[in-house]
C-alpha cells in the first residue's frame, strides 16, 4: 500500500477531470457500503468528512466573492 504522501503526489499529478473521477469513485464505493450496511462506520465517517470538506470549501469560496 502506498503512503499518504505518495497518494497525495498522485492526486497532485492528476488532471482536474481525473480528480473528479476519483472523488466520484470513492463516493460510489462508500455509498455501496452504506447500502449493504447502514451502520458501516467507515462509510459514515467518509461522508461526514466529505460533508465537512464541502462546507469548508463553500465557505472559502463565498468569502472570495466580490461584494
Protein backbone atom coordinates (compact mmCIF):
# COMPACT_ATOMS: atom_id res chain seq x y z
CA UNK A 1 0.00 0.00 0.00
CA UNK A 2 1.21 3.50 -0.85
CA UNK A 3 1.89 6.05 1.86
CA UNK A 4 -0.39 9.07 2.22
CA UNK A 5 2.43 11.25 0.85
CA UNK A 6 2.71 9.09 -2.27
CA UNK A 7 -1.03 9.22 -2.79
CA UNK A 8 -1.01 12.99 -2.27
CA UNK A 9 1.61 13.28 -5.02
CA UNK A 10 -0.51 11.04 -7.28
CA UNK A 11 -3.52 13.29 -6.71
CA UNK A 12 -1.43 16.35 -7.50
CA UNK A 13 -0.38 14.87 -10.81
CA UNK A 14 -3.96 14.20 -11.97
CA UNK A 15 -5.85 16.41 -14.38
CA UNK A 16 -8.93 18.14 -12.90
CA UNK A 17 -11.25 15.75 -14.74
CA UNK A 18 -9.45 12.78 -13.22
CA UNK A 19 -9.70 14.23 -9.71
CA UNK A 20 -13.47 14.39 -10.17
CA UNK A 21 -13.43 10.78 -11.38
CA UNK A 22 -11.51 9.70 -8.26
CA UNK A 23 -13.95 11.53 -5.97
CA UNK A 24 -16.92 10.01 -7.79
CA UNK A 25 -15.42 6.52 -7.48
CA UNK A 26 -14.79 6.97 -3.74
CA UNK A 27 -18.34 8.27 -3.27
CA UNK A 28 -19.72 5.24 -5.11
CA UNK A 29 -17.63 2.78 -3.07
CA UNK A 30 -18.80 4.20 0.27
CA UNK A 31 -22.37 4.63 -0.91
CA UNK A 32 -22.44 0.92 -1.78
CA UNK A 33 -21.06 0.05 1.65
CA UNK A 34 -23.86 2.03 3.29
CA UNK A 35 -26.46 0.33 1.10
CA UNK A 36 -25.18 -3.03 2.33
CA UNK A 37 -24.84 -1.90 5.96
CA UNK A 38 -26.42 1.40 7.03
CA UNK A 39 -24.27 1.41 10.18
CA UNK A 40 -20.92 1.00 8.43
CA UNK A 41 -18.67 3.31 10.49
CA UNK A 42 -16.03 3.65 7.78
CA UNK A 43 -18.60 4.79 5.22
CA UNK A 44 -20.38 7.06 7.69
CA UNK A 45 -17.05 8.68 8.59
CA UNK A 46 -16.22 9.17 4.91
CA UNK A 47 -19.50 11.01 4.28
CA UNK A 48 -19.13 13.03 7.48
CA UNK A 49 -15.63 14.16 6.46
CA UNK A 50 -16.74 14.77 2.87
CA UNK A 51 -19.63 16.93 4.07
CA UNK A 52 -17.25 18.94 6.28
CA UNK A 53 -14.79 19.41 3.42
CA UNK A 54 -17.55 20.60 1.08
CA UNK A 55 -18.82 23.04 3.72
CA UNK A 56 -15.34 24.42 4.32
CA UNK A 57 -14.68 24.81 0.60
CA UNK A 58 -18.05 26.53 0.13
CA UNK A 59 -17.29 28.96 2.96
CA UNK A 60 -13.88 29.77 1.50
CA UNK A 61 -15.40 30.35 -1.94
CA UNK A 62 -18.14 32.61 -0.56
CA UNK A 63 -15.50 34.67 1.27
CA UNK A 64 -13.68 35.26 -2.04
CA UNK A 65 -16.71 36.58 -3.93
CA UNK A 66 -16.66 40.34 -4.50
CA UNK A 67 -19.48 42.33 -2.99
